[in-house]
């Protein structure tokens, strides 16, 4: 197992735009997106990374973009190492963790689909709320329950601090009604198709986040696709509503951090070795189940 890659270095290119996990280089007519091994939780980057996490995210996204690309246009030009090397030279440390992508202006909302009561929605539901951001929920649900129907639940994209859940009408005010209708439709189609595949390999896709961007040709699907960073994957055979589920995603890290008393403000703490090892194992298992093969490293 190689050490975690916390930062990429391509000195022949202009400095990248650095997100929590990805670093985006401008290649002129295209973008080079590098998935590092950084891990964030509660919108804060941790001091330690998870080895091979970037490769898992990049290759899992490539799988989903290929599998679901018939449902809506997307940004992927190629995730093949040969295509990356043709543009920036041979970079062994970047093998398996890069995508050449079309340029797009990201929409100012995140597009979330939820099929189960989990995360922030479960917390709000426990307070007695039954109408969450324009969506009515019935009485009697517990954490981990399947919702009566999958719902579109957009959020703002905070440059600093935490993203905020908003209603569909608020999302439409931000991006325009036509675009909001389009990305809601694509989000729910993608979620339904991905949920069916997840179920076929013994997983439940509880929720996931999509991002879309504007191009001269219209809206396209961008960023990552249905990874353990952006989704909650649960083991179907162990699904027991009423509390936390056995998952293959970042929830394991969130649960550890909640137990430490950390105040969820930067800087993020270092993660213990066992948390790093177990998180890597969970991500790898999600990758194997979803794609049907082992990670190429």
C-alpha atoms as a PDB file:
ATOM      1  CA  UNK A   1       0.000   0.000   0.000  1.00  0.00           C
ATOM      2  CA  UNK A   2       1.504   3.306  -1.087  1.00  0.00           C
ATOM      3  CA  UNK A   3       1.404   6.398   1.164  1.00  0.00           C
ATOM      4  CA  UNK A   4      -1.580   8.706   0.862  1.00  0.00           C
ATOM      5  CA  UNK A   5      -1.255  11.388  -1.812  1.00  0.00           C
ATOM      6  CA  UNK A   6      -2.342  14.630  -0.153  1.00  0.00           C
ATOM      7  CA  UNK A   7      -1.351  16.991  -2.966  1.00  0.00           C
ATOM      8  CA  UNK A   8      -0.516  16.718  -6.633  1.00  0.00           C
ATOM      9  CA  UNK A   9       2.375  18.580  -8.239  1.00  0.00           C
ATOM     10  CA  UNK A  10       2.352  19.476 -11.929  1.00  0.00           C
ATOM     11  CA  UNK A  11       4.796  22.405 -12.090  1.00  0.00           C
ATOM     12  CA  UNK A  12       4.471  22.763 -15.868  1.00  0.00           C
ATOM     13  CA  UNK A  13       0.818  23.770 -15.456  1.00  0.00           C
ATOM     14  CA  UNK A  14      -0.763  26.785 -13.758  1.00  0.00           C
ATOM     15  CA  UNK A  15      -1.609  26.159 -10.090  1.00  0.00           C
ATOM     16  CA  UNK A  16      -4.792  24.104  -9.757  1.00  0.00           C
ATOM     17  CA  UNK A  17      -8.049  24.989  -8.106  1.00  0.00           C
ATOM     18  CA  UNK A  18      -7.950  22.905  -4.946  1.00  0.00           C
ATOM     19  CA  UNK A  19     -11.162  21.522  -3.507  1.00  0.00           C
ATOM     20  CA  UNK A  20     -11.542  19.377  -0.413  1.00  0.00           C
ATOM     21  CA  UNK A  21     -10.420  16.271  -2.317  1.00  0.00           C
ATOM     22  CA  UNK A  22      -9.913  17.136  -5.992  1.00  0.00           C
ATOM     23  CA  UNK A  23      -7.433  19.410  -7.704  1.00  0.00           C
ATOM     24  CA  UNK A  24      -8.490  20.837 -11.055  1.00  0.00           C
ATOM     25  CA  UNK A  25      -5.891  21.910 -13.632  1.00  0.00           C
ATOM     26  CA  UNK A  26      -6.744  24.043 -16.646  1.00  0.00           C
ATOM     27  CA  UNK A  27      -5.449  22.407 -19.830  1.00  0.00           C
ATOM     28  CA  UNK A  28      -6.854  25.091 -22.110  1.00  0.00           C
ATOM     29  CA  UNK A  29      -9.786  23.472 -23.883  1.00  0.00           C
ATOM     30  CA  UNK A  30     -10.131  20.757 -21.203  1.00  0.00           C
ATOM     31  CA  UNK A  31      -9.675  20.186 -17.483  1.00  0.00           C
ATOM     32  CA  UNK A  32      -7.525  17.644 -15.677  1.00  0.00           C
ATOM     33  CA  UNK A  33      -9.196  16.522 -12.447  1.00  0.00           C
ATOM     34  CA  UNK A  34      -6.916  14.803  -9.930  1.00  0.00           C
ATOM     35  CA  UNK A  35      -8.495  12.901  -7.035  1.00  0.00           C
ATOM     36  CA  UNK A  36      -6.176  13.035  -4.028  1.00  0.00           C
ATOM     37  CA  UNK A  37      -6.359  10.836  -0.930  1.00  0.00           C
ATOM     38  CA  UNK A  38      -7.581  13.668   1.286  1.00  0.00           C
ATOM     39  CA  UNK A  39     -10.759  12.977   3.210  1.00  0.00           C
ATOM     40  CA  UNK A  40     -13.199  15.531   4.545  1.00  0.00           C
ATOM     41  CA  UNK A  41     -16.018  15.291   7.034  1.00  0.00           C
ATOM     42  CA  UNK A  42     -18.463  17.966   8.095  1.00  0.00           C
ATOM     43  CA  UNK A  43     -16.952  20.061   5.283  1.00  0.00           C
ATOM     44  CA  UNK A  44     -13.484  20.055   6.907  1.00  0.00           C
ATOM     45  CA  UNK A  45     -10.424  18.293   5.475  1.00  0.00           C
ATOM     46  CA  UNK A  46      -8.721  15.900   7.873  1.00  0.00           C
ATOM     47  CA  UNK A  47      -4.994  16.144   8.606  1.00  0.00           C
ATOM     48  CA  UNK A  48      -4.391  12.598   7.362  1.00  0.00           C
ATOM     49  CA  UNK A  49      -5.436  10.955   4.120  1.00  0.00           C
ATOM     50  CA  UNK A  50      -6.646   7.474   3.196  1.00  0.00           C
ATOM     51  CA  UNK A  51      -4.232   5.638   0.857  1.00  0.00           C
ATOM     52  CA  UNK A  52      -5.713   4.878  -2.597  1.00  0.00           C
ATOM     53  CA  UNK A  53      -8.928   6.752  -1.808  1.00  0.00           C
ATOM     54  CA  UNK A  54      -8.454   9.055  -4.796  1.00  0.00           C
ATOM     55  CA  UNK A  55      -8.036   6.083  -7.120  1.00  0.00           C
ATOM     56  CA  UNK A  56     -11.203   4.527  -5.728  1.00  0.00           C
ATOM     57  CA  UNK A  57     -13.178   7.730  -6.249  1.00  0.00           C
ATOM     58  CA  UNK A  58     -11.841   8.348  -9.741  1.00  0.00           C
ATOM     59  CA  UNK A  59     -12.271   4.803 -11.050  1.00  0.00           C
ATOM     60  CA  UNK A  60     -15.660   4.334  -9.407  1.00  0.00           C
ATOM     61  CA  UNK A  61     -16.866   7.607 -10.912  1.00  0.00           C
ATOM     62  CA  UNK A  62     -15.578   6.517 -14.324  1.00  0.00           C
ATOM     63  CA  UNK A  63     -17.556   3.282 -13.963  1.00  0.00           C
ATOM     64  CA  UNK A  64     -20.798   5.118 -13.174  1.00  0.00           C
ATOM     65  CA  UNK A  65     -20.364   7.788 -15.852  1.00  0.00           C
ATOM     66  CA  UNK A  66     -19.884   5.001 -18.389  1.00  0.00           C
ATOM     67  CA  UNK A  67     -22.774   2.912 -17.068  1.00  0.00           C
ATOM     68  CA  UNK A  68     -25.295   5.758 -16.754  1.00  0.00           C
ATOM     69  CA  UNK A  69     -24.028   8.125 -19.434  1.00  0.00           C
ATOM     70  CA  UNK A  70     -26.984   7.314 -21.680  1.00  0.00           C
ATOM     71  CA  UNK A  71     -29.301   9.059 -19.200  1.00  0.00           C
ATOM     72  CA  UNK A  72     -27.740  12.518 -19.488  1.00  0.00           C
ATOM     73  CA  UNK A  73     -24.659  14.192 -20.997  1.00  0.00           C
ATOM     74  CA  UNK A  74     -21.584  14.357 -18.771  1.00  0.00           C
ATOM     75  CA  UNK A  75     -18.128  15.886 -18.591  1.00  0.00           C
ATOM     76  CA  UNK A  76     -15.855  12.846 -18.944  1.00  0.00           C
ATOM     77  CA  UNK A  77     -13.511  12.869 -21.951  1.00  0.00           C
ATOM     78  CA  UNK A  78     -11.320  10.036 -20.627  1.00  0.00           C
ATOM     79  CA  UNK A  79     -10.130   8.511 -17.370  1.00  0.00           C
ATOM     80  CA  UNK A  80      -7.490   6.377 -19.089  1.00  0.00           C
ATOM     81  CA  UNK A  81      -3.912   6.856 -17.896  1.00  0.00           C
ATOM     82  CA  UNK A  82      -2.670   6.892 -21.496  1.00  0.00           C
ATOM     83  CA  UNK A  83      -4.900   9.865 -22.298  1.00  0.00           C
ATOM     84  CA  UNK A  84      -3.709  11.678 -19.187  1.00  0.00           C
ATOM     85  CA  UNK A  85      -0.058  10.967 -20.018  1.00  0.00           C
ATOM     86  CA  UNK A  86      -0.589  12.305 -23.544  1.00  0.00           C
ATOM     87  CA  UNK A  87      -1.499  15.645 -22.008  1.00  0.00           C
ATOM     88  CA  UNK A  88       0.818  15.999 -18.992  1.00  0.00           C
ATOM     89  CA  UNK A  89       3.475  13.307 -19.396  1.00  0.00           C
ATOM     90  CA  UNK A  90       3.920  10.085 -17.478  1.00  0.00           C
ATOM     91  CA  UNK A  91       3.192  10.651 -13.800  1.00  0.00           C
ATOM     92  CA  UNK A  92       3.243   7.320 -11.924  1.00  0.00           C
ATOM     93  CA  UNK A  93       1.907   8.874  -8.722  1.00  0.00           C
ATOM     94  CA  UNK A  94      -1.215  10.010 -10.605  1.00  0.00           C
ATOM     95  CA  UNK A  95      -2.016   6.620 -12.143  1.00  0.00           C
ATOM     96  CA  UNK A  96      -5.682   5.743 -11.809  1.00  0.00           C
ATOM     97  CA  UNK A  97      -6.646   9.008 -10.153  1.00  0.00           C
ATOM     98  CA  UNK A  98      -7.136  11.442 -13.066  1.00  0.00           C
ATOM     99  CA  UNK A  99      -9.980  12.376 -15.394  1.00  0.00           C
ATOM    100  CA  UNK A 100      -9.758  14.561 -18.481  1.00  0.00           C
ATOM    101  CA  UNK A 101     -13.014  16.484 -18.557  1.00  0.00           C
ATOM    102  CA  UNK A 102     -15.029  19.021 -20.501  1.00  0.00           C
ATOM    103  CA  UNK A 103     -15.190  22.491 -19.074  1.00  0.00           C
ATOM    104  CA  UNK A 104     -18.430  23.602 -17.454  1.00  0.00           C
ATOM    105  CA  UNK A 105     -19.594  26.303 -15.054  1.00  0.00           C
ATOM    106  CA  UNK A 106     -20.832  24.447 -11.949  1.00  0.00           C
ATOM    107  CA  UNK A 107     -24.365  25.204 -10.846  1.00  0.00           C
ATOM    108  CA  UNK A 108     -24.611  26.924  -7.463  1.00  0.00           C
ATOM    109  CA  UNK A 109     -26.598  24.022  -5.996  1.00  0.00           C
ATOM    110  CA  UNK A 110     -25.926  20.411  -5.110  1.00  0.00           C
ATOM    111  CA  UNK A 111     -28.515  17.919  -6.314  1.00  0.00           C
ATOM    112  CA  UNK A 112     -29.234  15.322  -3.636  1.00  0.00           C
ATOM    113  CA  UNK A 113     -31.504  12.293  -3.971  1.00  0.00           C
ATOM    114  CA  UNK A 114     -32.710  10.472  -0.865  1.00  0.00           C
ATOM    115  CA  UNK A 115     -34.392   7.097  -0.685  1.00  0.00           C
ATOM    116  CA  UNK A 116     -34.010   6.497   3.048  1.00  0.00           C
ATOM    117  CA  UNK A 117     -34.199   8.533   6.251  1.00  0.00           C
ATOM    118  CA  UNK A 118     -30.581   9.216   7.185  1.00  0.00           C
ATOM    119  CA  UNK A 119     -28.083  11.941   7.942  1.00  0.00           C
ATOM    120  CA  UNK A 120     -29.314  15.475   8.483  1.00  0.00           C
ATOM    121  CA  UNK A 121     -32.861  14.535   7.553  1.00  0.00           C
ATOM    122  CA  UNK A 122     -32.983  11.854  10.255  1.00  0.00           C
ATOM    123  CA  UNK A 123     -31.765  14.404  12.802  1.00  0.00           C
ATOM    124  CA  UNK A 124     -34.420  16.930  11.822  1.00  0.00           C
ATOM    125  CA  UNK A 125     -37.129  14.272  11.737  1.00  0.00           C
ATOM    126  CA  UNK A 126     -36.275  13.266  15.315  1.00  0.00           C
ATOM    127  CA  UNK A 127     -36.995  16.840  16.433  1.00  0.00           C
ATOM    128  CA  UNK A 128     -40.609  16.392  15.301  1.00  0.00           C
ATOM    129  CA  UNK A 129     -40.325  18.046  11.892  1.00  0.00           C
ATOM    130  CA  UNK A 130     -42.599  16.410   9.327  1.00  0.00           C
ATOM    131  CA  UNK A 131     -42.213  18.888   6.471  1.00  0.00           C
ATOM    132  CA  UNK A 132     -38.594  19.221   5.450  1.00  0.00           C
ATOM    133  CA  UNK A 133     -37.741  21.804   2.795  1.00  0.00           C
ATOM    134  CA  UNK A 134     -41.068  21.425   1.026  1.00  0.00           C
ATOM    135  CA  UNK A 135     -41.243  17.623   1.352  1.00  0.00           C
ATOM    136  CA  UNK A 136     -43.933  16.084   3.592  1.00  0.00           C
ATOM    137  CA  UNK A 137     -42.945  12.989   5.555  1.00  0.00           C
ATOM    138  CA  UNK A 138     -45.332  10.634   7.392  1.00  0.00           C
ATOM    139  CA  UNK A 139     -45.314   9.934  11.103  1.00  0.00           C
ATOM    140  CA  UNK A 140     -43.766   6.754  12.399  1.00  0.00           C
ATOM    141  CA  UNK A 141     -40.467   6.682  10.520  1.00  0.00           C
ATOM    142  CA  UNK A 142     -37.215   5.767  12.235  1.00  0.00           C
ATOM    143  CA  UNK A 143     -33.632   6.300  11.149  1.00  0.00           C
ATOM    144  CA  UNK A 144     -32.799   3.934   8.290  1.00  0.00           C
ATOM    145  CA  UNK A 145     -36.394   3.551   7.091  1.00  0.00           C
ATOM    146  CA  UNK A 146     -37.100   3.631   3.388  1.00  0.00           C
ATOM    147  CA  UNK A 147     -39.001   6.783   2.434  1.00  0.00           C
ATOM    148  CA  UNK A 148     -42.436   6.388   0.829  1.00  0.00           C
ATOM    149  CA  UNK A 149     -40.776   7.538  -2.377  1.00  0.00           C
ATOM    150  CA  UNK A 150     -37.353   8.838  -3.327  1.00  0.00           C
ATOM    151  CA  UNK A 151     -37.106  12.619  -3.095  1.00  0.00           C
ATOM    152  CA  UNK A 152     -34.993  15.405  -4.607  1.00  0.00           C
ATOM    153  CA  UNK A 153     -33.458  17.502  -1.842  1.00  0.00           C
ATOM    154  CA  UNK A 154     -31.120  20.239  -3.133  1.00  0.00           C
ATOM    155  CA  UNK A 155     -28.552  22.088  -1.057  1.00  0.00           C
ATOM    156  CA  UNK A 156     -26.492  25.229  -1.328  1.00  0.00           C
ATOM    157  CA  UNK A 157     -22.763  24.989  -2.028  1.00  0.00           C
ATOM    158  CA  UNK A 158     -20.859  26.847   0.647  1.00  0.00           C
ATOM    159  CA  UNK A 159     -17.390  28.168  -0.164  1.00  0.00           C
ATOM    160  CA  UNK A 160     -16.723  28.072   3.570  1.00  0.00           C
ATOM    161  CA  UNK A 161     -18.686  26.383   6.334  1.00  0.00           C
ATOM    162  CA  UNK A 162     -21.473  23.881   5.828  1.00  0.00           C
ATOM    163  CA  UNK A 163     -23.767  23.310   2.873  1.00  0.00           C
ATOM    164  CA  UNK A 164     -27.402  24.077   3.675  1.00  0.00           C
ATOM    165  CA  UNK A 165     -30.489  22.092   2.693  1.00  0.00           C
ATOM    166  CA  UNK A 166     -33.000  24.116   0.685  1.00  0.00           C
ATOM    167  CA  UNK A 167     -36.360  23.518  -0.976  1.00  0.00           C
ATOM    168  CA  UNK A 168     -36.853  22.911  -4.686  1.00  0.00           C
ATOM    169  CA  UNK A 169     -38.409  26.371  -5.036  1.00  0.00           C
ATOM    170  CA  UNK A 170     -35.338  27.939  -3.431  1.00  0.00           C
ATOM    171  CA  UNK A 171     -33.109  25.964  -5.813  1.00  0.00           C
ATOM    172  CA  UNK A 172     -35.195  27.207  -8.744  1.00  0.00           C
ATOM    173  CA  UNK A 173     -34.703  30.778  -7.541  1.00  0.00           C
ATOM    174  CA  UNK A 174     -30.931  30.218  -7.660  1.00  0.00           C
ATOM    175  CA  UNK A 175     -30.504  28.435 -11.006  1.00  0.00           C
ATOM    176  CA  UNK A 176     -33.788  29.165 -12.785  1.00  0.00           C
ATOM    177  CA  UNK A 177     -36.910  27.031 -13.006  1.00  0.00           C
ATOM    178  CA  UNK A 178     -36.055  25.362 -16.308  1.00  0.00           C
ATOM    179  CA  UNK A 179     -32.593  24.267 -15.179  1.00  0.00           C
ATOM    180  CA  UNK A 180     -33.930  23.183 -11.784  1.00  0.00           C
ATOM    181  CA  UNK A 181     -36.579  21.010 -13.449  1.00  0.00           C
ATOM    182  CA  UNK A 182     -33.971  19.463 -15.738  1.00  0.00           C
ATOM    183  CA  UNK A 183     -31.451  18.583 -13.038  1.00  0.00           C
ATOM    184  CA  UNK A 184     -34.176  17.282 -10.734  1.00  0.00           C
ATOM    185  CA  UNK A 185     -35.327  14.933 -13.473  1.00  0.00           C
ATOM    186  CA  UNK A 186     -31.800  13.729 -14.232  1.00  0.00           C
ATOM    187  CA  UNK A 187     -30.996  13.349 -10.526  1.00  0.00           C
ATOM    188  CA  UNK A 188     -33.952  11.078  -9.918  1.00  0.00           C
ATOM    189  CA  UNK A 189     -33.327   9.030 -13.074  1.00  0.00           C
ATOM    190  CA  UNK A 190     -29.683   8.519 -12.155  1.00  0.00           C
ATOM    191  CA  UNK A 191     -30.585   7.661  -8.579  1.00  0.00           C
ATOM    192  CA  UNK A 192     -33.185   5.087  -9.636  1.00  0.00           C
ATOM    193  CA  UNK A 193     -30.825   3.359 -12.067  1.00  0.00           C
ATOM    194  CA  UNK A 194     -27.929   3.385  -9.593  1.00  0.00           C
ATOM    195  CA  UNK A 195     -30.187   2.089  -6.804  1.00  0.00           C
ATOM    196  CA  UNK A 196     -31.242  -0.849  -8.952  1.00  0.00           C
ATOM    197  CA  UNK A 197     -27.623  -1.756  -9.667  1.00  0.00           C
ATOM    198  CA  UNK A 198     -26.603  -1.331  -6.031  1.00  0.00           C
ATOM    199  CA  UNK A 199     -29.401  -3.634  -4.918  1.00  0.00           C
ATOM    200  CA  UNK A 200     -28.264  -6.261  -7.442  1.00  0.00           C
ATOM    201  CA  UNK A 201     -24.843  -6.417  -5.739  1.00  0.00           C
ATOM    202  CA  UNK A 202     -26.165  -6.490  -2.176  1.00  0.00           C
ATOM    203  CA  UNK A 203     -26.037  -2.782  -1.400  1.00  0.00           C
ATOM    204  CA  UNK A 204     -28.624  -0.148  -0.598  1.00  0.00           C
ATOM    205  CA  UNK A 205     -28.001   3.306  -2.049  1.00  0.00           C
ATOM    206  CA  UNK A 206     -29.560   5.379   0.722  1.00  0.00           C
ATOM    207  CA  UNK A 207     -28.756   8.784  -0.755  1.00  0.00           C
ATOM    208  CA  UNK A 208     -26.305  10.491  -3.055  1.00  0.00           C
ATOM    209  CA  UNK A 209     -25.203  13.889  -4.317  1.00  0.00           C
ATOM    210  CA  UNK A 210     -24.845  14.940  -7.951  1.00  0.00           C
ATOM    211  CA  UNK A 211     -23.418  18.098  -9.455  1.00  0.00           C
ATOM    212  CA  UNK A 212     -24.197  19.653 -12.816  1.00  0.00           C
ATOM    213  CA  UNK A 213     -22.628  22.440 -14.829  1.00  0.00           C
ATOM    214  CA  UNK A 214     -23.432  24.762 -17.716  1.00  0.00           C
ATOM    215  CA  UNK A 215     -21.725  24.568 -21.108  1.00  0.00           C
ATOM    216  CA  UNK A 216     -22.427  26.239 -24.439  1.00  0.00           C
ATOM    217  CA  UNK A 217     -24.366  23.078 -25.317  1.00  0.00           C
ATOM    218  CA  UNK A 218     -26.486  23.132 -22.163  1.00  0.00           C
ATOM    219  CA  UNK A 219     -26.362  21.447 -18.786  1.00  0.00           C
ATOM    220  CA  UNK A 220     -24.111  18.416 -18.191  1.00  0.00           C
ATOM    221  CA  UNK A 221     -23.371  16.061 -15.274  1.00  0.00           C
ATOM    222  CA  UNK A 222     -19.986  16.874 -13.672  1.00  0.00           C
ATOM    223  CA  UNK A 223     -17.751  16.228 -10.661  1.00  0.00           C
ATOM    224  CA  UNK A 224     -17.888  12.728  -9.140  1.00  0.00           C
ATOM    225  CA  UNK A 225     -20.439   9.966  -9.547  1.00  0.00           C
ATOM    226  CA  UNK A 226     -21.898   7.779  -6.822  1.00  0.00           C
ATOM    227  CA  UNK A 227     -18.767   7.279  -4.751  1.00  0.00           C
ATOM    228  CA  UNK A 228     -18.481   6.521  -1.012  1.00  0.00           C
ATOM    229  CA  UNK A 229     -17.610  10.216  -0.571  1.00  0.00           C
ATOM    230  CA  UNK A 230     -20.841  11.441  -2.139  1.00  0.00           C
ATOM    231  CA  UNK A 231     -23.208   8.590  -1.266  1.00  0.00           C
ATOM    232  CA  UNK A 232     -24.405   6.367   1.545  1.00  0.00           C
ATOM    233  CA  UNK A 233     -24.033   2.698   0.645  1.00  0.00           C
ATOM    234  CA  UNK A 234     -25.449   0.194   3.163  1.00  0.00           C
ATOM    235  CA  UNK A 235     -25.144  -3.578   3.272  1.00  0.00           C
ATOM    236  CA  UNK A 236     -28.620  -4.780   2.269  1.00  0.00           C
ATOM    237  CA  UNK A 237     -28.559  -8.037   4.232  1.00  0.00           C
ATOM    238  CA  UNK A 238     -27.759  -6.147   7.453  1.00  0.00           C
ATOM    239  CA  UNK A 239     -30.345  -3.398   6.953  1.00  0.00           C
ATOM    240  CA  UNK A 240     -32.212  -2.882  10.231  1.00  0.00           C
ATOM    241  CA  UNK A 241     -34.149   0.410  10.542  1.00  0.00           C
ATOM    242  CA  UNK A 242     -33.954   2.093  13.906  1.00  0.00           C
ATOM    243  CA  UNK A 243     -30.411   3.426  13.980  1.00  0.00           C
ATOM    244  CA  UNK A 244     -27.110   3.612  12.100  1.00  0.00           C
ATOM    245  CA  UNK A 245     -26.561   1.075   9.319  1.00  0.00           C
ATOM    246  CA  UNK A 246     -23.545  -1.004   8.294  1.00  0.00           C
ATOM    247  CA  UNK A 247     -22.204   1.207   5.533  1.00  0.00           C
ATOM    248  CA  UNK A 248     -19.381   1.560   3.042  1.00  0.00           C
ATOM    249  CA  UNK A 249     -18.962   5.301   3.062  1.00  0.00           C
ATOM    250  CA  UNK A 250     -17.749   8.316   5.038  1.00  0.00           C
ATOM    251  CA  UNK A 251     -20.271   7.762   7.823  1.00  0.00           C
ATOM    252  CA  UNK A 252     -17.678   5.624   9.620  1.00  0.00           C
ATOM    253  CA  UNK A 253     -15.342   8.634   9.793  1.00  0.00           C
ATOM    254  CA  UNK A 254     -18.180  10.956  10.822  1.00  0.00           C
ATOM    255  CA  UNK A 255     -19.157   8.591  13.642  1.00  0.00           C
ATOM    256  CA  UNK A 256     -15.562   8.439  14.893  1.00  0.00           C
ATOM    257  CA  UNK A 257     -15.279  12.238  14.867  1.00  0.00           C
ATOM    258  CA  UNK A 258     -18.595  12.629  16.689  1.00  0.00           C
ATOM    259  CA  UNK A 259     -17.172  10.420  19.470  1.00  0.00           C
ATOM    260  CA  UNK A 260     -14.099  12.646  19.969  1.00  0.00           C
ATOM    261  CA  UNK A 261     -15.794  15.898  20.922  1.00  0.00           C
ATOM    262  CA  UNK A 262     -14.172  17.732  17.978  1.00  0.00           C
ATOM    263  CA  UNK A 263     -16.055  20.985  17.350  1.00  0.00           C
ATOM    264  CA  UNK A 264     -16.223  20.476  13.536  1.00  0.00           C
ATOM    265  CA  UNK A 265     -14.185  23.580  12.761  1.00  0.00           C
ATOM    266  CA  UNK A 266     -10.834  23.670  10.924  1.00  0.00           C
ATOM    267  CA  UNK A 267      -8.250  22.364  11.152  1.00  0.00           C
ATOM    268  CA  UNK A 268      -9.368  18.773  10.872  1.00  0.00           C
ATOM    269  CA  UNK A 269      -7.717  16.349  13.280  1.00  0.00           C
ATOM    270  CA  UNK A 270      -5.415  13.479  12.344  1.00  0.00           C
ATOM    271  CA  UNK A 271      -7.206  10.154  12.091  1.00  0.00           C
ATOM    272  CA  UNK A 272      -5.895   7.121  13.996  1.00  0.00           C
ATOM    273  CA  UNK A 273      -4.345   4.281  12.000  1.00  0.00           C
ATOM    274  CA  UNK A 274      -7.267   1.926  12.630  1.00  0.00           C
ATOM    275  CA  UNK A 275      -9.787   4.480  11.355  1.00  0.00           C
ATOM    276  CA  UNK A 276      -7.705   5.002   8.206  1.00  0.00           C
ATOM    277  CA  UNK A 277      -7.312   1.244   7.633  1.00  0.00           C
ATOM    278  CA  UNK A 278     -10.990   0.500   8.192  1.00  0.00           C
ATOM    279  CA  UNK A 279     -12.117   3.422   6.031  1.00  0.00           C
ATOM    280  CA  UNK A 280      -9.887   2.244   3.181  1.00  0.00           C
ATOM    281  CA  UNK A 281     -11.314  -1.274   3.519  1.00  0.00           C
ATOM    282  CA  UNK A 282     -14.886   0.034   3.377  1.00  0.00           C
ATOM    283  CA  UNK A 283     -14.178   2.112   0.270  1.00  0.00           C
ATOM    284  CA  UNK A 284     -12.473  -0.834  -1.430  1.00  0.00           C
ATOM    285  CA  UNK A 285     -15.390  -3.144  -0.645  1.00  0.00           C
ATOM    286  CA  UNK A 286     -17.878  -0.646  -2.089  1.00  0.00           C
ATOM    287  CA  UNK A 287     -15.704  -0.397  -5.203  1.00  0.00           C
ATOM    288  CA  UNK A 288     -15.478  -4.191  -5.619  1.00  0.00           C
ATOM    289  CA  UNK A 289     -19.198  -4.695  -5.179  1.00  0.00           C
ATOM    290  CA  UNK A 290     -20.255  -1.883  -7.499  1.00  0.00           C
ATOM    291  CA  UNK A 291     -17.759  -2.482 -10.325  1.00  0.00           C
ATOM    292  CA  UNK A 292     -17.342  -6.248 -10.019  1.00  0.00           C
ATOM    293  CA  UNK A 293     -13.546  -6.087  -9.975  1.00  0.00           C
ATOM    294  CA  UNK A 294     -10.618  -5.084  -7.767  1.00  0.00           C
ATOM    295  CA  UNK A 295      -9.099  -1.637  -7.819  1.00  0.00           C
ATOM    296  CA  UNK A 296      -6.320  -1.037 -10.346  1.00  0.00           C
ATOM    297  CA  UNK A 297      -3.422   0.509  -8.412  1.00  0.00           C
END
